[in-house]
């Protein structure tokens, strides 16, 4: 999929999070928990550099969360981060 380079991905992530919050308010229930499906099935995996830029969280912190909080998986020696899981953890620390 070709994504225009002028899209502000941080803004897009925030809009998605706000839309999910609005959906909860309208429907009265939470969407499926991203922690309920195996990380290998996550459809929002990005490398730590991308996640770091989008969430304003240091890459070292993201790698630590991958190991301790199961927000990602290691492929080819690199960590891939689930944005939904990382966003949830980051929001607990008021980083998003």
C-alpha atoms as a PDB file:
ATOM      1  CA  UNK A   1       0.000   0.000   0.000  1.00  0.00           C
ATOM      2  CA  UNK A   2       1.387   3.401  -0.955  1.00  0.00           C
ATOM      3  CA  UNK A   3       1.046   5.976   1.805  1.00  0.00           C
ATOM      4  CA  UNK A   4       1.618   9.631   0.939  1.00  0.00           C
ATOM      5  CA  UNK A   5       4.730  10.952   2.695  1.00  0.00           C
ATOM      6  CA  UNK A   6       2.958  14.097   3.897  1.00  0.00           C
ATOM      7  CA  UNK A   7       0.631  12.249   6.296  1.00  0.00           C
ATOM      8  CA  UNK A   8       1.265  13.046   9.976  1.00  0.00           C
ATOM      9  CA  UNK A   9       1.294   9.526  11.450  1.00  0.00           C
ATOM     10  CA  UNK A  10       1.301  10.752  15.047  1.00  0.00           C
ATOM     11  CA  UNK A  11      -1.849  12.752  14.362  1.00  0.00           C
ATOM     12  CA  UNK A  12      -3.368   9.740  12.612  1.00  0.00           C
ATOM     13  CA  UNK A  13      -2.632   7.501  15.623  1.00  0.00           C
ATOM     14  CA  UNK A  14      -4.240  10.040  17.963  1.00  0.00           C
ATOM     15  CA  UNK A  15      -7.323  10.303  15.744  1.00  0.00           C
ATOM     16  CA  UNK A  16      -7.665   6.519  15.713  1.00  0.00           C
ATOM     17  CA  UNK A  17      -7.436   6.414  19.512  1.00  0.00           C
ATOM     18  CA  UNK A  18     -10.063   9.173  19.812  1.00  0.00           C
ATOM     19  CA  UNK A  19     -12.366   7.341  17.394  1.00  0.00           C
ATOM     20  CA  UNK A  20     -12.005   4.163  19.451  1.00  0.00           C
ATOM     21  CA  UNK A  21     -12.919   6.119  22.601  1.00  0.00           C
ATOM     22  CA  UNK A  22     -15.942   7.587  20.815  1.00  0.00           C
ATOM     23  CA  UNK A  23     -17.006   4.104  19.685  1.00  0.00           C
ATOM     24  CA  UNK A  24     -16.931   2.931  23.315  1.00  0.00           C
ATOM     25  CA  UNK A  25     -19.098   5.884  24.354  1.00  0.00           C
ATOM     26  CA  UNK A  26     -21.617   5.216  21.581  1.00  0.00           C
ATOM     27  CA  UNK A  27     -21.808   1.416  21.865  1.00  0.00           C
ATOM     28  CA  UNK A  28     -21.278   1.174  25.601  1.00  0.00           C
ATOM     29  CA  UNK A  29     -18.651  -1.568  25.389  1.00  0.00           C
ATOM     30  CA  UNK A  30     -14.952  -1.917  24.735  1.00  0.00           C
ATOM     31  CA  UNK A  31     -13.668  -3.216  21.397  1.00  0.00           C
ATOM     32  CA  UNK A  32     -11.780  -6.498  21.323  1.00  0.00           C
ATOM     33  CA  UNK A  33      -8.732  -6.289  23.553  1.00  0.00           C
ATOM     34  CA  UNK A  34      -5.518  -6.427  21.491  1.00  0.00           C
ATOM     35  CA  UNK A  35      -3.958  -8.463  24.306  1.00  0.00           C
ATOM     36  CA  UNK A  36      -6.500 -11.245  23.728  1.00  0.00           C
ATOM     37  CA  UNK A  37      -5.008 -12.205  20.383  1.00  0.00           C
ATOM     38  CA  UNK A  38      -1.474 -13.561  20.058  1.00  0.00           C
ATOM     39  CA  UNK A  39       1.147 -10.961  19.222  1.00  0.00           C
ATOM     40  CA  UNK A  40       2.037 -12.983  16.115  1.00  0.00           C
ATOM     41  CA  UNK A  41      -1.463 -12.209  14.778  1.00  0.00           C
ATOM     42  CA  UNK A  42      -1.222  -8.449  15.378  1.00  0.00           C
ATOM     43  CA  UNK A  43      -1.828  -6.473  12.215  1.00  0.00           C
ATOM     44  CA  UNK A  44      -0.229  -3.249  13.442  1.00  0.00           C
ATOM     45  CA  UNK A  45       3.412  -4.250  13.898  1.00  0.00           C
ATOM     46  CA  UNK A  46       6.044  -1.579  13.216  1.00  0.00           C
ATOM     47  CA  UNK A  47       9.741  -1.414  14.063  1.00  0.00           C
ATOM     48  CA  UNK A  48      10.894   0.389  17.194  1.00  0.00           C
ATOM     49  CA  UNK A  49      12.084   3.454  15.254  1.00  0.00           C
ATOM     50  CA  UNK A  50       8.622   4.049  13.806  1.00  0.00           C
ATOM     51  CA  UNK A  51       6.872   3.379  17.129  1.00  0.00           C
ATOM     52  CA  UNK A  52       9.326   5.680  18.910  1.00  0.00           C
ATOM     53  CA  UNK A  53       8.581   8.528  16.511  1.00  0.00           C
ATOM     54  CA  UNK A  54       4.811   8.043  16.616  1.00  0.00           C
ATOM     55  CA  UNK A  55       4.539   7.700  20.395  1.00  0.00           C
ATOM     56  CA  UNK A  56       7.427   9.938  21.465  1.00  0.00           C
ATOM     57  CA  UNK A  57       8.839   7.077  23.534  1.00  0.00           C
ATOM     58  CA  UNK A  58      12.559   6.209  23.453  1.00  0.00           C
ATOM     59  CA  UNK A  59      13.453   3.072  21.488  1.00  0.00           C
ATOM     60  CA  UNK A  60      15.201   1.585  24.546  1.00  0.00           C
ATOM     61  CA  UNK A  61      11.947   1.923  26.488  1.00  0.00           C
ATOM     62  CA  UNK A  62       9.985   0.236  23.706  1.00  0.00           C
ATOM     63  CA  UNK A  63      12.477  -2.660  23.574  1.00  0.00           C
ATOM     64  CA  UNK A  64      12.168  -3.034  27.350  1.00  0.00           C
ATOM     65  CA  UNK A  65       8.368  -3.069  27.084  1.00  0.00           C
ATOM     66  CA  UNK A  66       8.644  -5.712  24.341  1.00  0.00           C
ATOM     67  CA  UNK A  67      10.539  -7.957  26.753  1.00  0.00           C
ATOM     68  CA  UNK A  68       8.590  -7.234  29.943  1.00  0.00           C
ATOM     69  CA  UNK A  69       5.086  -6.215  28.829  1.00  0.00           C
ATOM     70  CA  UNK A  70       4.693  -8.319  25.680  1.00  0.00           C
ATOM     71  CA  UNK A  71       4.022  -5.438  23.297  1.00  0.00           C
ATOM     72  CA  UNK A  72       6.102  -6.856  20.482  1.00  0.00           C
ATOM     73  CA  UNK A  73       8.084  -9.716  19.059  1.00  0.00           C
ATOM     74  CA  UNK A  74      11.576 -10.196  17.746  1.00  0.00           C
ATOM     75  CA  UNK A  75      12.090 -11.036  14.080  1.00  0.00           C
ATOM     76  CA  UNK A  76      15.477 -11.188  12.423  1.00  0.00           C
ATOM     77  CA  UNK A  77      17.143  -9.663  15.473  1.00  0.00           C
ATOM     78  CA  UNK A  78      14.833  -6.632  15.474  1.00  0.00           C
ATOM     79  CA  UNK A  79      11.867  -5.858  17.674  1.00  0.00           C
ATOM     80  CA  UNK A  80       8.502  -5.253  16.016  1.00  0.00           C
ATOM     81  CA  UNK A  81       6.016  -3.358  18.175  1.00  0.00           C
ATOM     82  CA  UNK A  82       2.229  -3.600  18.199  1.00  0.00           C
ATOM     83  CA  UNK A  83       1.069   0.023  18.054  1.00  0.00           C
ATOM     84  CA  UNK A  84      -2.166  -0.773  19.906  1.00  0.00           C
ATOM     85  CA  UNK A  85      -0.303  -2.424  22.766  1.00  0.00           C
ATOM     86  CA  UNK A  86       2.404   0.250  22.885  1.00  0.00           C
ATOM     87  CA  UNK A  87      -0.191   3.036  22.802  1.00  0.00           C
ATOM     88  CA  UNK A  88      -1.999   1.451  25.745  1.00  0.00           C
ATOM     89  CA  UNK A  89       1.181   1.190  27.823  1.00  0.00           C
ATOM     90  CA  UNK A  90       2.371   4.679  26.830  1.00  0.00           C
ATOM     91  CA  UNK A  91      -0.978   6.189  27.814  1.00  0.00           C
ATOM     92  CA  UNK A  92      -0.521   4.791  31.328  1.00  0.00           C
ATOM     93  CA  UNK A  93       2.609   6.901  31.596  1.00  0.00           C
ATOM     94  CA  UNK A  94       0.965   9.945  29.976  1.00  0.00           C
ATOM     95  CA  UNK A  95       3.367   9.754  27.041  1.00  0.00           C
ATOM     96  CA  UNK A  96       0.695   9.815  24.327  1.00  0.00           C
END
